[in-house]
Amino acid sequence: MRFIASGGIVLAGALALRFASRLLVPQTSLENKVVFITGGSRGLGLAIAMECARRGARVAICARESAALERAAEQLGALGATVLAIRCDIRDRAELATAIARIDATFGRLDVLVNNAGTIAVGPMESMTREDYEDALATHFWAMYYATESALPFFARQGGGQIANITSIGGKLSVPHLLPYCVSKFAAVGYSEGLRAELAAKHISVTTVVPGLMRTGSPRNAWFKAQHQKEYTWFALSDALPGSSIAARTAARAIVDATLKGDAEIVLSLPAKFAVLLHGIAPGFVSNALQIGARLLPRHGGVDTLRMRGSQSTTRLTESPLTLLSKKAERDYNQI
């Protein structure tokens, strides 16, 4: 009875805190609001930009590749959106600050910042170099920090704002053959959660987004090392199958909803939710399971520390009907 009563008190407290957190940032629409999405030219970033455009937002996106930016701007324009496409290396603090200043000069405000830009290198730890860790941290942590610091003065001038930080299930538990990625995503989760606590008094909400696998077509442009074809095969198949991944549009809709509500965190996909819950309850069990999984993955060798794109690592399986949904996502979200 005491256990049940204690559980009820904890649940009631959690619900009260959830309700109170939403009072800090009332639910709003995106009509005529300005949303800035880093890495918005393809994949999840483009899916989020499309969702914001459908809701009437004015959308700013940035990326390093001019051609991809132009194609994304055309796709968003076809939805009737007002679009500002900015070529920018988000790892460069000065370029990010300039990009946000340009958004302010163009639209006169900034309402929502979505820190989405990402990179991933897949392979055993023996194939990973210091540069892989530096690149992952520069993209997933430092770029998030730079963009946030640049946006805060504009939010302060307006009396508030909203931030969505796209992290990963890899920021909750460290997955084999994704070590640099997971290290950087753990940093992103820690920064995002602490940021929310500190910015609440300034009427700035921060939502930590924790996606599992999503069908965004991203494996094609990811990096693979060592036995790169085998690494690409397991990664691409996991990313393509409906049971293990969710559609990009479904993910984008949930992310925008959670951000507007001011939710503290959203975990996307049932497998990811189950993994986070199980890791919280039984971290030792999950750790042992990951050890078994690591032994089943490809060994070191192949191209060693060299990076190969997914598009350079295809196999019969990755070009089979098993990946049809992923191939469609590649076309829909500008991955080709």
Protein backbone atom coordinates (compact mmCIF):
# COMPACT_ATOMS: atom_id res chain seq x y z
CA MET A 1 0.00 0.00 0.00
CA ARG A 2 2.82 2.38 0.84
CA PHE A 3 4.43 1.59 -2.52
CA ILE A 4 1.18 2.34 -4.36
CA ALA A 5 0.66 5.58 -2.40
CA SER A 6 4.24 6.70 -3.09
CA GLY A 7 3.81 5.89 -6.76
CA GLY A 8 0.62 7.94 -6.86
CA ILE A 9 2.34 10.91 -5.26
CA VAL A 10 5.22 10.72 -7.74
CA LEU A 11 2.80 10.47 -10.68
CA ALA A 12 0.74 13.40 -9.42
CA GLY A 13 3.87 15.46 -8.96
CA ALA A 14 5.09 14.64 -12.45
CA LEU A 15 1.74 15.61 -13.97
CA ALA A 16 1.72 18.88 -11.99
CA LEU A 17 5.24 19.73 -13.19
CA ARG A 18 4.27 18.93 -16.78
CA PHE A 19 1.25 21.23 -16.53
CA ALA A 20 3.29 24.00 -14.91
CA SER A 21 5.97 23.79 -17.60
CA ARG A 22 3.37 24.32 -20.29
CA LEU A 23 2.08 27.45 -18.56
CA LEU A 24 5.48 29.08 -19.15
CA VAL A 25 4.96 28.89 -22.92
CA PRO A 26 1.32 28.89 -24.05
CA GLN A 27 0.37 26.79 -27.03
CA THR A 28 0.54 28.89 -30.19
CA SER A 29 0.20 28.52 -33.92
CA LEU A 30 3.03 29.10 -36.37
CA GLU A 31 1.08 31.47 -38.59
CA ASN A 32 3.51 34.22 -39.71
CA LYS A 33 6.06 33.11 -37.12
CA VAL A 34 9.73 32.83 -38.12
CA VAL A 35 11.40 29.44 -37.72
CA PHE A 36 15.14 28.82 -38.25
CA ILE A 37 16.21 25.23 -38.89
CA THR A 38 19.87 24.28 -39.09
CA GLY A 39 20.61 21.49 -41.53
CA GLY A 40 17.27 22.25 -43.15
CA SER A 41 18.14 21.36 -46.73
CA ARG A 42 17.53 17.60 -46.48
CA GLY A 43 16.31 14.76 -44.31
CA LEU A 44 14.62 15.48 -40.99
CA GLY A 45 15.50 19.19 -41.18
CA LEU A 46 13.65 19.53 -44.48
CA ALA A 47 10.72 17.49 -43.13
CA ILE A 48 10.46 19.88 -40.16
CA ALA A 49 10.73 22.89 -42.49
CA MET A 50 7.90 21.46 -44.61
CA GLU A 51 5.72 20.92 -41.56
CA CYS A 52 6.33 24.49 -40.40
CA ALA A 53 5.55 25.78 -43.91
CA ARG A 54 2.25 23.89 -43.94
CA ARG A 55 1.35 25.66 -40.69
CA GLY A 56 1.96 29.11 -42.14
CA ALA A 57 5.44 29.83 -40.80
CA ARG A 58 8.10 31.86 -42.55
CA VAL A 59 11.03 29.48 -42.79
CA ALA A 60 14.79 30.05 -42.74
CA ILE A 61 17.07 27.10 -43.44
CA CYS A 62 20.83 26.76 -43.60
CA ALA A 63 23.24 24.17 -44.94
CA ARG A 64 26.71 23.97 -46.44
CA GLU A 65 25.76 22.83 -49.95
CA SER A 66 24.31 25.54 -52.21
CA ALA A 67 22.70 23.11 -54.66
CA ALA A 68 20.87 21.22 -51.91
CA LEU A 69 19.72 24.52 -50.40
CA GLU A 70 18.29 25.69 -53.71
CA ARG A 71 16.38 22.45 -54.21
CA ALA A 72 15.01 22.60 -50.66
CA ALA A 73 13.93 26.22 -51.12
CA GLU A 74 12.03 25.20 -54.26
CA GLN A 75 10.28 22.38 -52.40
CA LEU A 76 9.28 24.73 -49.59
CA GLY A 77 8.21 27.43 -52.02
CA ALA A 78 5.92 24.90 -53.70
CA LEU A 79 4.10 24.64 -50.35
CA GLY A 80 3.51 28.40 -50.41
CA ALA A 81 6.13 29.22 -47.80
CA THR A 82 8.22 32.36 -47.57
CA VAL A 83 11.73 30.92 -47.48
CA LEU A 84 15.19 32.27 -46.70
CA ALA A 85 17.96 29.82 -47.64
CA ILE A 86 21.39 30.63 -46.19
CA ARG A 87 24.63 28.92 -47.05
CA CYS A 88 26.36 28.44 -43.71
CA ASP A 89 28.78 26.08 -41.99
CA ILE A 90 27.12 25.65 -38.61
CA ARG A 91 30.45 24.60 -37.08
CA ASP A 92 31.69 28.17 -37.61
CA ARG A 93 30.43 30.46 -34.84
CA ALA A 94 30.81 33.64 -36.90
CA GLU A 95 28.88 32.20 -39.84
CA LEU A 96 26.01 31.12 -37.57
CA ALA A 97 25.84 34.55 -35.93
CA THR A 98 25.78 36.17 -39.37
CA ALA A 99 23.01 33.81 -40.51
CA ILE A 100 20.79 34.68 -37.54
CA ALA A 101 21.46 38.40 -38.00
CA ARG A 102 20.41 38.01 -41.62
CA ILE A 103 17.16 36.31 -40.54
CA ASP A 104 16.44 39.26 -38.26
CA ALA A 105 17.24 41.74 -41.03
CA THR A 106 14.92 39.89 -43.44
CA PHE A 107 11.98 39.06 -41.21
CA GLY A 108 12.44 41.40 -38.24
CA ARG A 109 12.15 38.61 -35.67
CA LEU A 110 12.97 35.01 -34.75
CA ASP A 111 10.41 32.88 -32.93
CA VAL A 112 11.65 29.30 -33.07
CA LEU A 113 15.14 27.85 -33.36
CA VAL A 114 15.48 24.19 -34.36
CA ASN A 115 19.00 22.85 -33.82
CA ASN A 116 18.87 19.94 -36.22
CA ALA A 117 22.11 19.73 -38.23
CA GLY A 118 23.82 16.38 -37.88
CA THR A 119 26.50 14.00 -39.05
CA ILE A 120 27.16 10.34 -38.40
CA ALA A 121 30.05 7.93 -38.87
CA VAL A 122 29.34 4.21 -38.50
CA GLY A 123 31.98 1.62 -37.72
CA PRO A 124 33.88 -0.15 -34.91
CA MET A 125 35.77 2.00 -32.42
CA GLU A 126 39.11 0.85 -33.89
CA SER A 127 38.23 2.64 -37.13
CA MET A 128 37.31 5.91 -35.41
CA THR A 129 39.87 8.72 -35.14
CA ARG A 130 40.10 11.86 -33.06
CA GLU A 131 38.81 13.75 -36.09
CA ASP A 132 35.58 11.70 -36.01
CA TYR A 133 34.98 12.73 -32.40
CA GLU A 134 35.87 16.36 -33.10
CA ASP A 135 33.56 16.49 -36.12
CA ALA A 136 30.66 14.95 -34.18
CA LEU A 137 31.08 17.31 -31.23
CA ALA A 138 31.50 20.34 -33.49
CA THR A 139 28.27 19.48 -35.29
CA HIS A 140 26.04 18.19 -32.51
CA PHE A 141 27.22 20.17 -29.49
CA TRP A 142 29.19 23.27 -30.43
CA ALA A 143 26.92 24.22 -33.34
CA MET A 144 23.91 23.87 -31.03
CA TYR A 145 25.67 26.09 -28.49
CA TYR A 146 26.68 28.69 -31.10
CA ALA A 147 23.20 28.90 -32.62
CA THR A 148 21.54 29.18 -29.23
CA GLU A 149 23.91 31.89 -28.01
CA SER A 150 23.34 33.85 -31.20
CA ALA A 151 19.56 33.53 -30.95
CA LEU A 152 19.18 34.44 -27.27
CA PRO A 153 19.55 38.24 -27.71
CA PHE A 154 16.72 38.21 -30.27
CA PHE A 155 14.52 36.13 -27.98
CA ALA A 156 15.27 38.52 -25.11
CA ARG A 157 14.27 41.51 -27.25
CA GLN A 158 10.95 39.81 -28.10
CA GLY A 159 10.28 38.63 -24.55
CA GLY A 160 10.61 34.91 -25.28
CA GLY A 161 11.06 32.18 -27.83
CA GLN A 162 11.16 28.45 -28.39
CA ILE A 163 14.06 26.09 -29.03
CA ALA A 164 13.93 22.48 -30.23
CA ASN A 165 17.17 20.54 -29.91
CA ILE A 166 17.30 17.42 -32.06
CA THR A 167 19.38 14.90 -30.13
CA SER A 168 19.06 11.11 -30.47
CA ILE A 169 18.37 7.83 -28.74
CA GLY A 170 22.18 7.69 -28.99
CA GLY A 171 22.22 10.48 -26.41
CA LYS A 172 20.39 8.27 -23.92
CA LEU A 173 22.27 4.99 -24.41
CA SER A 174 25.49 4.46 -26.32
CA VAL A 175 25.03 2.19 -29.31
CA PRO A 176 27.92 0.03 -30.63
CA HIS A 177 29.64 1.22 -33.82
CA LEU A 178 28.34 4.76 -33.27
CA LEU A 179 30.70 5.89 -30.52
CA PRO A 180 31.65 9.43 -31.69
CA TYR A 181 28.01 10.07 -32.60
CA CYS A 182 26.76 8.92 -29.20
CA VAL A 183 29.41 10.89 -27.28
CA SER A 184 28.31 14.09 -29.02
CA LYS A 185 24.61 13.33 -28.60
CA PHE A 186 25.07 12.74 -24.85
CA ALA A 187 26.61 16.21 -24.71
CA ALA A 188 23.65 17.62 -26.66
CA VAL A 189 21.10 16.03 -24.30
CA GLY A 190 22.89 17.35 -21.22
CA TYR A 191 23.15 20.85 -22.66
CA SER A 192 19.53 20.87 -23.80
CA GLU A 193 18.11 19.70 -20.47
CA GLY A 194 20.17 22.20 -18.47
CA LEU A 195 19.33 24.98 -20.90
CA ARG A 196 15.61 24.43 -20.37
CA ALA A 197 15.93 24.88 -16.61
CA GLU A 198 17.96 28.07 -16.91
CA LEU A 199 15.94 29.77 -19.65
CA ALA A 200 12.43 29.13 -18.28
CA ALA A 201 12.45 32.36 -16.27
CA LYS A 202 13.12 34.27 -19.50
CA HIS A 203 10.03 32.75 -21.17
CA ILE A 204 12.16 30.65 -23.50
CA SER A 205 11.14 27.01 -23.72
CA VAL A 206 13.59 24.28 -24.70
CA THR A 207 12.38 20.91 -25.97
CA THR A 208 14.81 18.00 -26.11
CA VAL A 209 13.92 15.81 -29.07
CA VAL A 210 15.12 12.20 -28.82
CA PRO A 211 14.49 10.40 -32.11
CA GLY A 212 15.01 6.74 -32.76
CA LEU A 213 15.40 5.56 -36.34
CA MET A 214 13.49 7.62 -38.89
CA ARG A 215 12.91 7.13 -42.59
CA THR A 216 14.54 10.33 -43.81
CA GLY A 217 16.75 8.76 -46.48
CA SER A 218 19.84 9.77 -44.51
CA PRO A 219 21.90 6.53 -44.74
CA ARG A 220 22.76 7.41 -48.33
CA ASN A 221 24.74 10.47 -47.14
CA ALA A 222 26.06 9.02 -43.87
CA TRP A 223 29.70 7.95 -43.44
CA PHE A 224 30.75 4.30 -43.09
CA LYS A 225 34.16 2.92 -42.14
CA ALA A 226 36.05 -0.39 -41.89
CA GLN A 227 33.88 -3.03 -43.63
CA HIS A 228 31.75 -0.22 -44.96
CA GLN A 229 29.39 -2.29 -47.11
CA LYS A 230 28.44 -4.54 -44.20
CA GLU A 231 28.09 -1.52 -41.89
CA TYR A 232 25.88 0.22 -44.41
CA THR A 233 23.75 -2.88 -44.88
CA TRP A 234 22.76 -3.31 -41.22
CA PHE A 235 22.29 0.43 -40.75
CA ALA A 236 20.25 0.98 -43.93
CA LEU A 237 17.97 -2.01 -43.30
CA SER A 238 17.29 -0.94 -39.71
CA ASP A 239 16.51 2.56 -40.94
CA ALA A 240 14.15 1.37 -43.69
CA LEU A 241 11.87 -1.13 -41.97
CA PRO A 242 8.55 0.17 -40.55
CA GLY A 243 8.84 -1.84 -37.34
CA SER A 244 12.15 -0.25 -36.37
CA SER A 245 11.70 3.26 -37.81
CA ILE A 246 9.03 5.91 -38.29
CA ALA A 247 8.17 8.12 -41.25
CA ALA A 248 9.91 11.50 -41.43
CA ARG A 249 6.62 13.41 -41.76
CA THR A 250 5.22 11.69 -38.66
CA ALA A 251 8.36 12.62 -36.74
CA ALA A 252 8.31 16.23 -37.97
CA ARG A 253 4.67 16.69 -36.98
CA ALA A 254 5.35 15.35 -33.48
CA ILE A 255 8.44 17.55 -33.08
CA VAL A 256 6.58 20.73 -34.06
CA ASP A 257 3.65 19.87 -31.78
CA ALA A 258 5.94 19.22 -28.79
CA THR A 259 7.89 22.43 -29.40
CA LEU A 260 4.78 24.58 -29.56
CA LYS A 261 3.41 22.99 -26.39
CA GLY A 262 6.69 23.64 -24.60
CA ASP A 263 7.23 19.96 -23.74
CA ALA A 264 10.47 19.19 -21.94
CA GLU A 265 11.21 16.08 -23.99
CA ILE A 266 9.79 13.95 -26.74
CA VAL A 267 11.07 10.46 -27.58
CA LEU A 268 10.16 9.36 -31.10
CA SER A 269 9.28 5.77 -32.11
CA LEU A 270 8.10 2.92 -29.93
CA PRO A 271 11.46 1.08 -30.02
CA ALA A 272 13.22 4.23 -28.81
CA LYS A 273 10.67 4.78 -26.02
CA PHE A 274 11.05 1.17 -24.91
CA ALA A 275 14.86 1.42 -24.98
CA VAL A 276 14.89 4.61 -22.89
CA LEU A 277 12.45 3.12 -20.36
CA LEU A 278 14.34 -0.16 -20.10
CA HIS A 279 17.69 1.60 -19.75
CA GLY A 280 16.29 3.70 -16.91
CA ILE A 281 14.94 0.65 -15.09
CA ALA A 282 17.70 -1.86 -15.82
CA PRO A 283 20.85 -0.20 -17.19
CA GLY A 284 22.96 -3.27 -16.49
CA PHE A 285 20.66 -5.49 -18.54
CA VAL A 286 20.76 -3.05 -21.46
CA SER A 287 24.54 -2.81 -21.25
CA ASN A 288 24.86 -6.60 -21.43
CA ALA A 289 22.46 -6.71 -24.39
CA LEU A 290 24.53 -4.08 -26.21
CA GLN A 291 27.67 -6.15 -25.61
CA ILE A 292 26.02 -9.09 -27.33
CA GLY A 293 24.90 -6.84 -30.18
CA ALA A 294 28.42 -5.48 -30.62
CA ARG A 295 29.77 -9.01 -31.18
CA LEU A 296 27.31 -9.53 -34.02
CA LEU A 297 28.37 -6.41 -35.91
CA PRO A 298 31.11 -6.37 -38.59
CA ARG A 299 34.70 -6.52 -37.37
CA HIS A 300 37.48 -4.04 -37.96
CA GLY A 301 39.22 -4.14 -41.35
CA GLY A 302 38.11 -3.21 -44.84
CA VAL A 303 38.86 0.45 -45.59
CA ASP A 304 40.01 0.90 -41.98
CA THR A 305 39.73 4.58 -40.94
CA LEU A 306 38.72 5.87 -44.37
CA ARG A 307 35.22 7.29 -44.72
CA MET A 308 32.87 6.06 -47.43
CA ARG A 309 29.42 7.47 -48.14
CA GLY A 310 26.42 5.19 -47.95
CA SER A 311 25.95 5.78 -51.68
CA GLN A 312 29.41 4.21 -52.15
CA SER A 313 28.60 1.19 -49.96
CA THR A 314 25.51 -0.34 -51.51
CA THR A 315 24.86 -4.10 -51.62
CA ARG A 316 22.17 -6.33 -53.08
CA LEU A 317 20.23 -6.15 -49.84
CA THR A 318 20.35 -2.37 -49.64
CA GLU A 319 19.09 -2.15 -53.23
CA SER A 320 16.33 -4.71 -52.67
CA PRO A 321 12.61 -4.14 -51.99
CA LEU A 322 13.45 -4.15 -48.27
CA THR A 323 14.58 -0.53 -48.60
CA LEU A 324 11.74 0.80 -50.79
CA LEU A 325 10.46 3.13 -48.07
CA SER A 326 13.94 4.52 -47.51
CA LYS A 327 14.41 5.07 -51.26
CA LYS A 328 11.17 7.02 -51.37
CA ALA A 329 12.38 9.14 -48.44
CA GLU A 330 15.62 9.87 -50.32
CA ARG A 331 13.58 11.39 -53.15
CA ASP A 332 11.07 13.18 -50.92
CA TYR A 333 13.67 14.76 -48.62
CA ASN A 334 16.38 15.85 -51.04
CA GLN A 335 18.95 13.17 -50.24
CA ILE A 336 19.79 12.42 -53.88
